[in-house]
PDB file of all heavy atoms in Angstrom:
ATOM      1  N   GLY A   1      38.211  34.856  -0.931  1.00  0.00           N
ATOM      2  CA  GLY A   1      38.874  36.045  -1.451  1.00  0.00           C
ATOM      3  C   GLY A   1      38.508  37.338  -0.761  1.00  0.00           C
ATOM      4  O   GLY A   1      39.033  38.397  -1.140  1.00  0.00           O
ATOM      5  N   LEU A   2      37.639  37.294   0.256  1.00  0.00           N
ATOM      6  CA  LEU A   2      37.267  38.516   0.970  1.00  0.00           C
ATOM      7  C   LEU A   2      38.008  38.601   2.298  1.00  0.00           C
ATOM      8  O   LEU A   2      38.317  37.587   2.928  1.00  0.00           O
ATOM      9  CB  LEU A   2      35.757  38.559   1.235  1.00  0.00           C
ATOM     10  CG  LEU A   2      34.824  38.518   0.022  1.00  0.00           C
ATOM     11  CD1 LEU A   2      33.380  38.740   0.470  1.00  0.00           C
ATOM     12  CD2 LEU A   2      35.219  39.544  -1.019  1.00  0.00           C
ATOM     13  N   SER A   3      38.253  39.836   2.716  1.00  0.00           N
ATOM     14  CA  SER A   3      38.937  40.067   3.987  1.00  0.00           C
ATOM     15  C   SER A   3      38.501  41.422   4.533  1.00  0.00           C
ATOM     16  O   SER A   3      39.114  42.455   4.234  1.00  0.00           O
ATOM     17  CB  SER A   3      40.460  40.035   3.792  1.00  0.00           C
ATOM     18  OG  SER A   3      41.122  40.237   5.029  1.00  0.00           O
ATOM     19  N   PRO A   4      37.425  41.469   5.316  1.00  0.00           N
ATOM     20  CA  PRO A   4      36.918  42.762   5.800  1.00  0.00           C
ATOM     21  C   PRO A   4      37.904  43.458   6.726  1.00  0.00           C
ATOM     22  O   PRO A   4      38.527  42.827   7.581  1.00  0.00           O
ATOM     23  CB  PRO A   4      35.634  42.371   6.547  1.00  0.00           C
ATOM     24  CG  PRO A   4      35.779  40.919   6.859  1.00  0.00           C
ATOM     25  CD  PRO A   4      36.610  40.327   5.767  1.00  0.00           C
ATOM     26  N   ASN A   5      38.030  44.756   6.515  1.00  0.00           N
ATOM     27  CA  ASN A   5      38.965  45.580   7.289  1.00  0.00           C
ATOM     28  C   ASN A   5      38.315  46.943   7.495  1.00  0.00           C
ATOM     29  O   ASN A   5      38.102  47.675   6.533  1.00  0.00           O
ATOM     30  CB  ASN A   5      40.292  45.715   6.520  1.00  0.00           C
ATOM     31  CG  ASN A   5      41.339  46.498   7.297  1.00  0.00           C
ATOM     32  OD1 ASN A   5      41.017  47.260   8.204  1.00  0.00           O
ATOM     33  ND2 ASN A   5      42.597  46.306   6.932  1.00  0.00           N
ATOM     34  N   ALA A   6      37.983  47.281   8.733  1.00  0.00           N
ATOM     35  CA  ALA A   6      37.256  48.518   9.011  1.00  0.00           C
ATOM     36  C   ALA A   6      38.000  49.753   8.525  1.00  0.00           C
ATOM     37  O   ALA A   6      37.387  50.740   8.120  1.00  0.00           O
ATOM     38  CB  ALA A   6      36.977  48.639  10.514  1.00  0.00           C
ATOM     39  N   SER A   7      39.322  49.723   8.504  1.00  0.00           N
ATOM     40  CA  SER A   7      40.089  50.908   8.127  1.00  0.00           C
ATOM     41  C   SER A   7      39.913  51.269   6.656  1.00  0.00           C
ATOM     42  O   SER A   7      40.092  52.431   6.273  1.00  0.00           O
ATOM     43  CB  SER A   7      41.573  50.708   8.440  1.00  0.00           C
ATOM     44  OG  SER A   7      42.124  49.669   7.632  1.00  0.00           O
ATOM     45  N   ILE A   8      39.543  50.303   5.809  1.00  0.00           N
ATOM     46  CA  ILE A   8      39.373  50.596   4.378  1.00  0.00           C
ATOM     47  C   ILE A   8      37.977  50.256   3.859  1.00  0.00           C
ATOM     48  O   ILE A   8      37.646  50.611   2.727  1.00  0.00           O
ATOM     49  CB  ILE A   8      40.420  49.853   3.521  1.00  0.00           C
ATOM     50  CG1 ILE A   8      40.369  48.347   3.779  1.00  0.00           C
ATOM     51  CG2 ILE A   8      41.812  50.409   3.768  1.00  0.00           C
ATOM     52  CD1 ILE A   8      41.329  47.554   2.911  1.00  0.00           C
ATOM     53  N   HIS A   9      37.153  49.601   4.678  1.00  0.00           N
ATOM     54  CA  HIS A   9      35.832  49.185   4.208  1.00  0.00           C
ATOM     55  C   HIS A   9      34.675  49.815   4.977  1.00  0.00           C
ATOM     56  O   HIS A   9      33.523  49.644   4.592  1.00  0.00           O
ATOM     57  CB  HIS A   9      35.701  47.658   4.295  1.00  0.00           C
ATOM     58  CG  HIS A   9      36.685  46.913   3.449  1.00  0.00           C
ATOM     59  ND1 HIS A   9      37.315  45.758   3.846  1.00  0.00           N
ATOM     60  CD2 HIS A   9      37.157  47.177   2.200  1.00  0.00           C
ATOM     61  CE1 HIS A   9      38.129  45.326   2.889  1.00  0.00           C
ATOM     62  NE2 HIS A   9      38.043  46.174   1.881  1.00  0.00           N
ATOM     63  N   GLN A  10      34.957  50.536   6.038  1.00  0.00           N
ATOM     64  CA  GLN A  10      33.886  51.076   6.873  1.00  0.00           C
ATOM     65  C   GLN A  10      33.303  52.354   6.288  1.00  0.00           C
ATOM     66  O   GLN A  10      34.007  53.152   5.670  1.00  0.00           O
ATOM     67  CB  GLN A  10      34.430  51.368   8.269  1.00  0.00           C
ATOM     68  CG  GLN A  10      33.374  51.760   9.290  1.00  0.00           C
ATOM     69  CD  GLN A  10      33.888  51.607  10.700  1.00  0.00           C
ATOM     70  OE1 GLN A  10      33.699  50.576  11.342  1.00  0.00           O
ATOM     71  NE2 GLN A  10      34.567  52.636  11.179  1.00  0.00           N
ATOM     72  N   PHE A  11      32.001  52.544   6.477  1.00  0.00           N
ATOM     73  CA  PHE A  11      31.305  53.766   6.094  1.00  0.00           C
ATOM     74  C   PHE A  11      31.553  54.785   7.204  1.00  0.00           C
ATOM     75  O   PHE A  11      31.110  54.600   8.334  1.00  0.00           O
ATOM     76  CB  PHE A  11      29.808  53.464   5.942  1.00  0.00           C
ATOM     77  CG  PHE A  11      28.995  54.593   5.370  1.00  0.00           C
ATOM     78  CD1 PHE A  11      28.348  54.458   4.148  1.00  0.00           C
ATOM     79  CD2 PHE A  11      28.841  55.798   6.050  1.00  0.00           C
ATOM     80  CE1 PHE A  11      27.580  55.488   3.618  1.00  0.00           C
ATOM     81  CE2 PHE A  11      28.090  56.835   5.530  1.00  0.00           C
ATOM     82  CZ  PHE A  11      27.460  56.681   4.310  1.00  0.00           C
ATOM     83  N   ASN A  12      32.253  55.884   6.878  1.00  0.00           N
ATOM     84  CA  ASN A  12      32.595  56.905   7.866  1.00  0.00           C
ATOM     85  C   ASN A  12      32.076  58.262   7.443  1.00  0.00           C
ATOM     86  O   ASN A  12      32.125  58.618   6.255  1.00  0.00           O
ATOM     87  CB  ASN A  12      34.113  57.025   8.035  1.00  0.00           C
ATOM     88  CG  ASN A  12      34.757  55.764   8.564  1.00  0.00           C
ATOM     89  OD1 ASN A  12      34.212  55.112   9.446  1.00  0.00           O
ATOM     90  ND2 ASN A  12      35.905  55.407   8.025  1.00  0.00           N
ATOM     91  N   MET A  13      31.608  59.032   8.413  1.00  0.00           N
ATOM     92  CA  MET A  13      31.305  60.441   8.189  1.00  0.00           C
ATOM     93  C   MET A  13      31.746  61.222   9.415  1.00  0.00           C
ATOM     94  O   MET A  13      31.288  60.953  10.533  1.00  0.00           O
ATOM     95  CB  MET A  13      29.821  60.673   7.924  1.00  0.00           C
ATOM     96  CG  MET A  13      29.489  62.137   7.632  1.00  0.00           C
ATOM     97  SD  MET A  13      27.739  62.430   7.289  1.00  0.00           S
ATOM     98  CE  MET A  13      27.548  61.551   5.738  1.00  0.00           C
ATOM     99  N   ASP A  14      32.667  62.168   9.213  1.00  0.00           N
ATOM    100  CA  ASP A  14      33.141  63.034  10.292  1.00  0.00           C
ATOM    101  C   ASP A  14      32.420  64.366  10.198  1.00  0.00           C
ATOM    102  O   ASP A  14      32.451  65.029   9.153  1.00  0.00           O
ATOM    103  CB  ASP A  14      34.652  63.246  10.183  1.00  0.00           C
ATOM    104  CG  ASP A  14      35.430  61.944  10.303  1.00  0.00           C
ATOM    105  OD1 ASP A  14      34.865  60.967  10.840  1.00  0.00           O
ATOM    106  OD2 ASP A  14      36.590  61.893   9.849  1.00  0.00           O
ATOM    107  N   LEU A  15      31.779  64.749  11.311  1.00  0.00           N
ATOM    108  CA  LEU A  15      30.871  65.880  11.302  1.00  0.00           C
ATOM    109  C   LEU A  15      31.214  66.816  12.449  1.00  0.00           C
ATOM    110  O   LEU A  15      31.481  66.367  13.575  1.00  0.00           O
ATOM    111  CB  LEU A  15      29.438  65.363  11.471  1.00  0.00           C
ATOM    112  CG  LEU A  15      28.292  66.317  11.236  1.00  0.00           C
ATOM    113  CD1 LEU A  15      27.585  65.936   9.933  1.00  0.00           C
ATOM    114  CD2 LEU A  15      27.282  66.194  12.360  1.00  0.00           C
ATOM    115  N   ILE A  16      31.258  68.128  12.174  1.00  0.00           N
ATOM    116  CA  ILE A  16      31.433  69.109  13.239  1.00  0.00           C
ATOM    117  C   ILE A  16      30.113  69.209  13.994  1.00  0.00           C
ATOM    118  O   ILE A  16      29.112  69.681  13.446  1.00  0.00           O
ATOM    119  CB  ILE A  16      31.835  70.481  12.679  1.00  0.00           C
ATOM    120  CG1 ILE A  16      33.175  70.384  11.938  1.00  0.00           C
ATOM    121  CG2 ILE A  16      31.928  71.513  13.799  1.00  0.00           C
ATOM    122  CD1 ILE A  16      33.604  71.683  11.279  1.00  0.00           C
ATOM    123  N   PRO A  17      30.056  68.762  15.253  1.00  0.00           N
ATOM    124  CA  PRO A  17      28.761  68.666  15.928  1.00  0.00           C
ATOM    125  C   PRO A  17      28.105  70.023  16.156  1.00  0.00           C
ATOM    126  O   PRO A  17      26.877  70.129  16.091  1.00  0.00           O
ATOM    127  CB  PRO A  17      29.108  67.984  17.261  1.00  0.00           C
ATOM    128  CG  PRO A  17      30.566  68.236  17.469  1.00  0.00           C
ATOM    129  CD  PRO A  17      31.162  68.280  16.097  1.00  0.00           C
ATOM    130  N   GLU A  18      28.899  71.067  16.406  1.00  0.00           N
ATOM    131  CA  GLU A  18      28.319  72.385  16.661  1.00  0.00           C
ATOM    132  C   GLU A  18      27.618  72.950  15.433  1.00  0.00           C
ATOM    133  O   GLU A  18      26.689  73.757  15.555  1.00  0.00           O
ATOM    134  CB  GLU A  18      29.404  73.379  17.116  1.00  0.00           C
ATOM    135  CG  GLU A  18      30.074  73.024  18.430  1.00  0.00           C
ATOM    136  CD  GLU A  18      31.349  72.226  18.220  1.00  0.00           C
ATOM    137  OE1 GLU A  18      31.450  71.519  17.188  1.00  0.00           O
ATOM    138  OE2 GLU A  18      32.239  72.299  19.081  1.00  0.00           O
ATOM    139  N   LEU A  19      28.069  72.534  14.231  1.00  0.00           N
ATOM    140  CA  LEU A  19      27.547  73.109  12.997  1.00  0.00           C
ATOM    141  C   LEU A  19      26.708  72.129  12.180  1.00  0.00           C
ATOM    142  O   LEU A  19      25.931  72.549  11.310  1.00  0.00           O
ATOM    143  CB  LEU A  19      28.705  73.619  12.122  1.00  0.00           C
ATOM    144  CG  LEU A  19      29.596  74.699  12.736  1.00  0.00           C
ATOM    145  CD1 LEU A  19      30.776  74.980  11.825  1.00  0.00           C
ATOM    146  CD2 LEU A  19      28.800  75.969  12.968  1.00  0.00           C
ATOM    147  N   GLY A  20      26.875  70.827  12.408  1.00  0.00           N
ATOM    148  CA  GLY A  20      26.178  69.845  11.597  1.00  0.00           C
ATOM    149  C   GLY A  20      26.728  69.728  10.197  1.00  0.00           C
ATOM    150  O   GLY A  20      26.033  69.281   9.279  1.00  0.00           O
ATOM    151  N   ILE A  21      28.006  70.087  10.012  1.00  0.00           N
ATOM    152  CA  ILE A  21      28.628  70.096   8.682  1.00  0.00           C
ATOM    153  C   ILE A  21      29.629  68.953   8.576  1.00  0.00           C
ATOM    154  O   ILE A  21      30.529  68.836   9.412  1.00  0.00           O
ATOM    155  CB  ILE A  21      29.341  71.433   8.424  1.00  0.00           C
ATOM    156  CG1 ILE A  21      28.330  72.580   8.424  1.00  0.00           C
ATOM    157  CG2 ILE A  21      30.111  71.392   7.109  1.00  0.00           C
ATOM    158  CD1 ILE A  21      28.991  73.944   8.316  1.00  0.00           C
ATOM    159  N   PRO A  22      29.518  68.076   7.548  1.00  0.00           N
ATOM    160  CA  PRO A  22      30.525  67.029   7.350  1.00  0.00           C
ATOM    161  C   PRO A  22      31.832  67.628   6.840  1.00  0.00           C
ATOM    162  O   PRO A  22      31.822  68.508   5.974  1.00  0.00           O
ATOM    163  CB  PRO A  22      29.902  66.114   6.285  1.00  0.00           C
ATOM    164  CG  PRO A  22      28.492  66.565   6.121  1.00  0.00           C
ATOM    165  CD  PRO A  22      28.430  67.981   6.558  1.00  0.00           C
ATOM    166  N   ILE A  23      32.935  67.152   7.378  1.00  0.00           N
ATOM    167  CA  ILE A  23      34.241  67.597   6.888  1.00  0.00           C
ATOM    168  C   ILE A  23      35.003  66.457   6.228  1.00  0.00           C
ATOM    169  O   ILE A  23      36.008  66.687   5.558  1.00  0.00           O
ATOM    170  CB  ILE A  23      35.091  68.200   8.027  1.00  0.00           C
ATOM    171  CG1 ILE A  23      35.297  67.177   9.159  1.00  0.00           C
ATOM    172  CG2 ILE A  23      34.455  69.484   8.543  1.00  0.00           C
ATOM    173  CD1 ILE A  23      36.286  67.635  10.213  1.00  0.00           C
ATOM    174  N   ASN A  24      34.524  65.229   6.412  1.00  0.00           N
ATOM    175  CA  ASN A  24      35.160  64.087   5.765  1.00  0.00           C
ATOM    176  C   ASN A  24      34.106  63.003   5.584  1.00  0.00           C
ATOM    177  O   ASN A  24      33.389  62.664   6.527  1.00  0.00           O
ATOM    178  CB  ASN A  24      36.318  63.544   6.607  1.00  0.00           C
ATOM    179  CG  ASN A  24      36.974  62.343   5.956  1.00  0.00           C
ATOM    180  OD1 ASN A  24      37.500  62.434   4.858  1.00  0.00           O
ATOM    181  ND2 ASN A  24      36.946  61.203   6.638  1.00  0.00           N
ATOM    182  N   VAL A  25      33.997  62.487   4.361  1.00  0.00           N
ATOM    183  CA  VAL A  25      33.014  61.446   4.063  1.00  0.00           C
ATOM    184  C   VAL A  25      33.709  60.305   3.329  1.00  0.00           C
ATOM    185  O   VAL A  25      34.456  60.540   2.368  1.00  0.00           O
ATOM    186  CB  VAL A  25      31.851  61.994   3.207  1.00  0.00           C
ATOM    187  CG1 VAL A  25      30.888  60.865   2.850  1.00  0.00           C
ATOM    188  CG2 VAL A  25      31.119  63.113   3.930  1.00  0.00           C
ATOM    189  N   GLU A  26      33.472  59.094   3.788  1.00  0.00           N
ATOM    190  CA  GLU A  26      33.922  57.880   3.099  1.00  0.00           C
ATOM    191  C   GLU A  26      32.719  56.932   3.064  1.00  0.00           C
ATOM    192  O   GLU A  26      32.550  56.081   3.927  1.00  0.00           O
ATOM    193  CB  GLU A  26      35.101  57.249   3.839  1.00  0.00           C
ATOM    194  CG  GLU A  26      36.333  58.139   3.861  1.00  0.00           C
ATOM    195  CD  GLU A  26      37.357  57.687   4.891  1.00  0.00           C
ATOM    196  OE1 GLU A  26      36.956  57.195   5.973  1.00  0.00           O
ATOM    197  OE2 GLU A  26      38.573  57.843   4.633  1.00  0.00           O
ATOM    198  N   ALA A  27      31.862  57.137   2.066  1.00  0.00           N
ATOM    199  CA  ALA A  27      30.617  56.373   1.943  1.00  0.00           C
ATOM    200  C   ALA A  27      30.893  55.129   1.105  1.00  0.00           C
ATOM    201  O   ALA A  27      31.164  55.237  -0.096  1.00  0.00           O
ATOM    202  CB  ALA A  27      29.528  57.228   1.309  1.00  0.00           C
ATOM    203  N   ARG A  28      30.809  53.950   1.723  1.00  0.00           N
ATOM    204  CA  ARG A  28      31.211  52.709   1.069  1.00  0.00           C
ATOM    205  C   ARG A  28      30.086  51.689   1.086  1.00  0.00           C
ATOM    206  O   ARG A  28      29.460  51.468   2.129  1.00  0.00           O
ATOM    207  CB  ARG A  28      32.445  52.134   1.772  1.00  0.00           C
ATOM    208  CG  ARG A  28      33.677  53.032   1.647  1.00  0.00           C
ATOM    209  CD  ARG A  28      34.716  52.715   2.680  1.00  0.00           C
ATOM    210  NE  ARG A  28      35.961  53.452   2.445  1.00  0.00           N
ATOM    211  CZ  ARG A  28      36.813  53.809   3.400  1.00  0.00           C
ATOM    212  NH1 ARG A  28      36.557  53.506   4.668  1.00  0.00           N
ATOM    213  NH2 ARG A  28      37.899  54.479   3.096  1.00  0.00           N
TER     214      ARG A  28
END
């Protein structure tokens, strides 16, 4: 019953490198 899919199951954090500020977080 499992089906791993990076687009919906991956832990993502998008960060502005110049500032060190996250602008999008998907902690899974």
